[in-house]
Amino acid sequence: MVFSPWYNYGMYSEVIKPQSSYVVTKVYADEQLLKGPDFSPQAWDRIHFNLQLAVASSCNKHFYEKEIKRIIRKFHMPVPGESHYVNLISSDDIFQRNKQLLAQQLKRNSVEVYSLEYSWSGKTLVFNDSLPTLPVSHFLCQ
């Protein structure tokens, strides 16, 4: 996707309209909320990198269906079967391993990741407390 961003047309030219709801991911280390200003840009980037790996492991099949097939079709090439898609991050426990790695990097005992849903009121995000706030073991794919 990086070598041909013009195939991601909407990425640069579409108006981004507010959605009716947003899922916000919060990360707690030893029961303390991690906040960007508490870290250097490099350290905050490492935290996000671990979360991105976890997202990728949860959303790999979705990524193949939504992005890879679409890009290959843009080149007017036959789309290879999913078995030809090399998936190096498909392990079911990669999310747990990334949490452990993140805890080690932060020199903390435990890390928990929570997904919280917020609704857009037209002016601000409002926490939707009707859903239980539970640690996530995978991410919803967009």
C-alpha atoms as a PDB file:
ATOM      1  CA  MET A   1       0.000   0.000   0.000  1.00  0.00           C
ATOM      2  CA  VAL A   2       2.904   2.359   0.708  1.00  0.00           C
ATOM      3  CA  PHE A   3       4.424   2.178  -2.761  1.00  0.00           C
ATOM      4  CA  SER A   4       1.176   3.199  -4.447  1.00  0.00           C
ATOM      5  CA  PRO A   5      -0.812   5.583  -2.242  1.00  0.00           C
ATOM      6  CA  TRP A   6      -2.723   6.928  -5.253  1.00  0.00           C
ATOM      7  CA  TYR A   7      -4.655   3.631  -5.292  1.00  0.00           C
ATOM      8  CA  ASN A   8      -6.006   4.609  -1.883  1.00  0.00           C
ATOM      9  CA  TYR A   9      -7.885   7.502  -3.509  1.00  0.00           C
ATOM     10  CA  GLY A  10     -10.129   8.281  -0.563  1.00  0.00           C
ATOM     11  CA  MET A  11      -7.152   8.562   1.735  1.00  0.00           C
ATOM     12  CA  TYR A  12      -6.298  12.009   0.370  1.00  0.00           C
ATOM     13  CA  SER A  13      -9.396  13.507  -1.157  1.00  0.00           C
ATOM     14  CA  GLU A  14     -12.494  12.440   0.748  1.00  0.00           C
ATOM     15  CA  VAL A  15     -14.181  14.585   3.352  1.00  0.00           C
ATOM     16  CA  ILE A  16     -14.084  12.859   6.721  1.00  0.00           C
ATOM     17  CA  LYS A  17     -17.475  13.204   8.357  1.00  0.00           C
ATOM     18  CA  PRO A  18     -18.118  12.533  12.047  1.00  0.00           C
ATOM     19  CA  GLN A  19     -19.319   9.013  12.773  1.00  0.00           C
ATOM     20  CA  SER A  20     -22.205   8.303  15.101  1.00  0.00           C
ATOM     21  CA  SER A  21     -19.918   6.394  17.459  1.00  0.00           C
ATOM     22  CA  TYR A  22     -16.218   5.803  18.065  1.00  0.00           C
ATOM     23  CA  VAL A  23     -14.319   3.073  19.845  1.00  0.00           C
ATOM     24  CA  VAL A  24     -11.502   4.464  21.988  1.00  0.00           C
ATOM     25  CA  THR A  25      -8.745   2.154  23.160  1.00  0.00           C
ATOM     26  CA  LYS A  26      -7.263   2.838  26.582  1.00  0.00           C
ATOM     27  CA  VAL A  27      -4.175   1.113  27.892  1.00  0.00           C
ATOM     28  CA  TYR A  28      -3.524   0.638  31.597  1.00  0.00           C
ATOM     29  CA  ALA A  29      -0.188  -0.490  33.030  1.00  0.00           C
ATOM     30  CA  ASP A  30      -0.351  -1.630  36.655  1.00  0.00           C
ATOM     31  CA  GLU A  31      -3.852  -0.109  36.772  1.00  0.00           C
ATOM     32  CA  GLN A  32      -2.589   3.343  35.681  1.00  0.00           C
ATOM     33  CA  LEU A  33      -3.878   4.916  32.461  1.00  0.00           C
ATOM     34  CA  LEU A  34      -1.078   5.521  29.960  1.00  0.00           C
ATOM     35  CA  LYS A  35      -1.088   9.082  28.591  1.00  0.00           C
ATOM     36  CA  GLY A  36       0.932  10.378  25.670  1.00  0.00           C
ATOM     37  CA  PRO A  37       2.408  13.432  27.441  1.00  0.00           C
ATOM     38  CA  ASP A  38       3.975  11.118  30.052  1.00  0.00           C
ATOM     39  CA  PHE A  39       6.251   9.541  27.413  1.00  0.00           C
ATOM     40  CA  SER A  40       8.808  10.676  24.886  1.00  0.00           C
ATOM     41  CA  PRO A  41       7.556  10.571  21.277  1.00  0.00           C
ATOM     42  CA  GLN A  42       9.749   7.515  20.676  1.00  0.00           C
ATOM     43  CA  ALA A  43       8.424   5.642  23.717  1.00  0.00           C
ATOM     44  CA  TRP A  44       4.812   6.507  22.828  1.00  0.00           C
ATOM     45  CA  ASP A  45       5.481   5.262  19.288  1.00  0.00           C
ATOM     46  CA  ARG A  46       6.742   1.915  20.675  1.00  0.00           C
ATOM     47  CA  ILE A  47       3.530   1.576  22.695  1.00  0.00           C
ATOM     48  CA  HIS A  48       1.448   2.218  19.579  1.00  0.00           C
ATOM     49  CA  PHE A  49       3.568  -0.180  17.538  1.00  0.00           C
ATOM     50  CA  ASN A  50       2.758  -3.022  19.945  1.00  0.00           C
ATOM     51  CA  LEU A  51      -0.942  -2.177  19.782  1.00  0.00           C
ATOM     52  CA  GLN A  52      -0.795  -2.030  15.977  1.00  0.00           C
ATOM     53  CA  LEU A  53       0.692  -5.536  15.920  1.00  0.00           C
ATOM     54  CA  ALA A  54      -2.158  -6.706  18.114  1.00  0.00           C
ATOM     55  CA  VAL A  55      -4.686  -5.040  15.806  1.00  0.00           C
ATOM     56  CA  ALA A  56      -3.007  -6.607  12.784  1.00  0.00           C
ATOM     57  CA  SER A  57      -3.131 -10.062  14.312  1.00  0.00           C
ATOM     58  CA  SER A  58      -6.841  -9.693  15.008  1.00  0.00           C
ATOM     59  CA  CYS A  59      -7.670  -8.160  11.638  1.00  0.00           C
ATOM     60  CA  ASN A  60      -5.425 -10.031   9.226  1.00  0.00           C
ATOM     61  CA  LYS A  61      -8.160 -11.831   7.284  1.00  0.00           C
ATOM     62  CA  HIS A  62     -10.187  -8.642   7.129  1.00  0.00           C
ATOM     63  CA  PHE A  63      -7.157  -6.773   5.755  1.00  0.00           C
ATOM     64  CA  TYR A  64      -6.740  -9.362   2.987  1.00  0.00           C
ATOM     65  CA  GLU A  65     -10.397  -9.109   2.018  1.00  0.00           C
ATOM     66  CA  LYS A  66     -10.677  -5.324   2.215  1.00  0.00           C
ATOM     67  CA  GLU A  67      -7.283  -4.012   1.078  1.00  0.00           C
ATOM     68  CA  ILE A  68      -5.079  -6.577  -0.629  1.00  0.00           C
ATOM     69  CA  LYS A  69      -7.749  -7.881  -3.001  1.00  0.00           C
ATOM     70  CA  ARG A  70      -8.804  -4.315  -3.834  1.00  0.00           C
ATOM     71  CA  ILE A  71      -5.254  -3.186  -4.670  1.00  0.00           C
ATOM     72  CA  ILE A  72      -4.540  -6.251  -6.809  1.00  0.00           C
ATOM     73  CA  ARG A  73      -7.764  -5.639  -8.751  1.00  0.00           C
ATOM     74  CA  LYS A  74      -6.614  -2.049  -9.405  1.00  0.00           C
ATOM     75  CA  PHE A  75      -3.655  -3.560 -11.289  1.00  0.00           C
ATOM     76  CA  HIS A  76      -6.136  -5.724 -13.282  1.00  0.00           C
ATOM     77  CA  MET A  77      -4.373  -8.858 -12.102  1.00  0.00           C
ATOM     78  CA  PRO A  78      -5.983 -12.123 -11.035  1.00  0.00           C
ATOM     79  CA  VAL A  79      -6.477 -12.153  -7.285  1.00  0.00           C
ATOM     80  CA  PRO A  80      -4.539 -15.002  -5.682  1.00  0.00           C
ATOM     81  CA  GLY A  81      -6.283 -17.213  -3.174  1.00  0.00           C
ATOM     82  CA  GLU A  82      -5.949 -16.497   0.502  1.00  0.00           C
ATOM     83  CA  SER A  83      -3.497 -19.407   0.821  1.00  0.00           C
ATOM     84  CA  HIS A  84      -0.972 -17.293  -1.146  1.00  0.00           C
ATOM     85  CA  TYR A  85      -1.213 -14.471   1.366  1.00  0.00           C
ATOM     86  CA  VAL A  86       1.758 -14.891   3.698  1.00  0.00           C
ATOM     87  CA  ASN A  87       0.449 -14.255   7.163  1.00  0.00           C
ATOM     88  CA  LEU A  88       3.267 -14.130   9.682  1.00  0.00           C
ATOM     89  CA  ILE A  89       1.177 -12.753  12.534  1.00  0.00           C
ATOM     90  CA  SER A  90      -1.740 -15.146  12.651  1.00  0.00           C
ATOM     91  CA  SER A  91      -0.983 -16.718  16.014  1.00  0.00           C
ATOM     92  CA  ASP A  92      -3.988 -16.659  18.350  1.00  0.00           C
ATOM     93  CA  ASP A  93      -1.897 -15.651  21.335  1.00  0.00           C
ATOM     94  CA  ILE A  94      -0.014 -12.757  19.714  1.00  0.00           C
ATOM     95  CA  PHE A  95      -2.259 -10.257  21.495  1.00  0.00           C
ATOM     96  CA  GLN A  96      -1.211 -11.673  24.883  1.00  0.00           C
ATOM     97  CA  ARG A  97       2.451 -11.748  23.836  1.00  0.00           C
ATOM     98  CA  ASN A  98       2.294  -8.109  22.774  1.00  0.00           C
ATOM     99  CA  LYS A  99       0.770  -7.145  26.111  1.00  0.00           C
ATOM    100  CA  GLN A 100       3.600  -8.976  27.897  1.00  0.00           C
ATOM    101  CA  LEU A 101       6.203  -7.293  25.678  1.00  0.00           C
ATOM    102  CA  LEU A 102       4.645  -3.907  26.340  1.00  0.00           C
ATOM    103  CA  ALA A 103       4.678  -4.559  30.105  1.00  0.00           C
ATOM    104  CA  GLN A 104       8.376  -5.471  29.890  1.00  0.00           C
ATOM    105  CA  GLN A 105       9.195  -2.331  27.890  1.00  0.00           C
ATOM    106  CA  LEU A 106       7.349  -0.178  30.427  1.00  0.00           C
ATOM    107  CA  LYS A 107       8.940  -2.064  33.337  1.00  0.00           C
ATOM    108  CA  ARG A 108       5.463  -2.788  34.700  1.00  0.00           C
ATOM    109  CA  ASN A 109       3.878  -6.006  35.975  1.00  0.00           C
ATOM    110  CA  SER A 110       0.736  -6.006  33.852  1.00  0.00           C
ATOM    111  CA  VAL A 111      -0.933  -4.272  30.946  1.00  0.00           C
ATOM    112  CA  GLU A 112      -4.651  -4.252  30.199  1.00  0.00           C
ATOM    113  CA  VAL A 113      -6.279  -2.879  27.070  1.00  0.00           C
ATOM    114  CA  TYR A 114      -9.868  -1.624  27.158  1.00  0.00           C
ATOM    115  CA  SER A 115     -12.100  -0.619  24.276  1.00  0.00           C
ATOM    116  CA  LEU A 116     -14.720   1.968  25.204  1.00  0.00           C
ATOM    117  CA  GLU A 117     -17.510   3.205  22.979  1.00  0.00           C
ATOM    118  CA  TYR A 118     -18.311   6.893  22.696  1.00  0.00           C
ATOM    119  CA  SER A 119     -21.204   8.494  20.799  1.00  0.00           C
ATOM    120  CA  TRP A 120     -20.873  11.745  18.890  1.00  0.00           C
ATOM    121  CA  SER A 121     -23.405  14.304  20.165  1.00  0.00           C
ATOM    122  CA  GLY A 122     -22.687  16.840  17.440  1.00  0.00           C
ATOM    123  CA  LYS A 123     -20.332  18.787  19.688  1.00  0.00           C
ATOM    124  CA  THR A 124     -18.473  16.291  21.845  1.00  0.00           C
ATOM    125  CA  LEU A 125     -17.898  12.598  22.469  1.00  0.00           C
ATOM    126  CA  VAL A 126     -20.163  11.120  25.138  1.00  0.00           C
ATOM    127  CA  PHE A 127     -19.183   7.912  26.911  1.00  0.00           C
ATOM    128  CA  ASN A 128     -21.664   5.122  26.240  1.00  0.00           C
ATOM    129  CA  ASP A 129     -21.772   3.477  29.662  1.00  0.00           C
ATOM    130  CA  SER A 130     -24.482   0.992  28.699  1.00  0.00           C
ATOM    131  CA  LEU A 131     -21.791  -1.375  27.427  1.00  0.00           C
ATOM    132  CA  PRO A 132     -19.621  -3.283  29.878  1.00  0.00           C
ATOM    133  CA  THR A 133     -16.004  -2.125  30.047  1.00  0.00           C
ATOM    134  CA  LEU A 134     -14.020  -5.332  29.792  1.00  0.00           C
ATOM    135  CA  PRO A 135     -10.413  -5.985  28.825  1.00  0.00           C
ATOM    136  CA  VAL A 136     -10.203  -6.889  25.154  1.00  0.00           C
ATOM    137  CA  SER A 137      -8.489  -9.949  23.777  1.00  0.00           C
ATOM    138  CA  HIS A 138      -8.760  -8.746  20.177  1.00  0.00           C
ATOM    139  CA  PHE A 139      -9.849  -5.692  18.228  1.00  0.00           C
ATOM    140  CA  LEU A 140     -12.835  -5.112  15.995  1.00  0.00           C
ATOM    141  CA  CYS A 141     -11.691  -4.698  12.412  1.00  0.00           C
ATOM    142  CA  GLN A 142     -12.754  -1.566  10.540  1.00  0.00           C
END
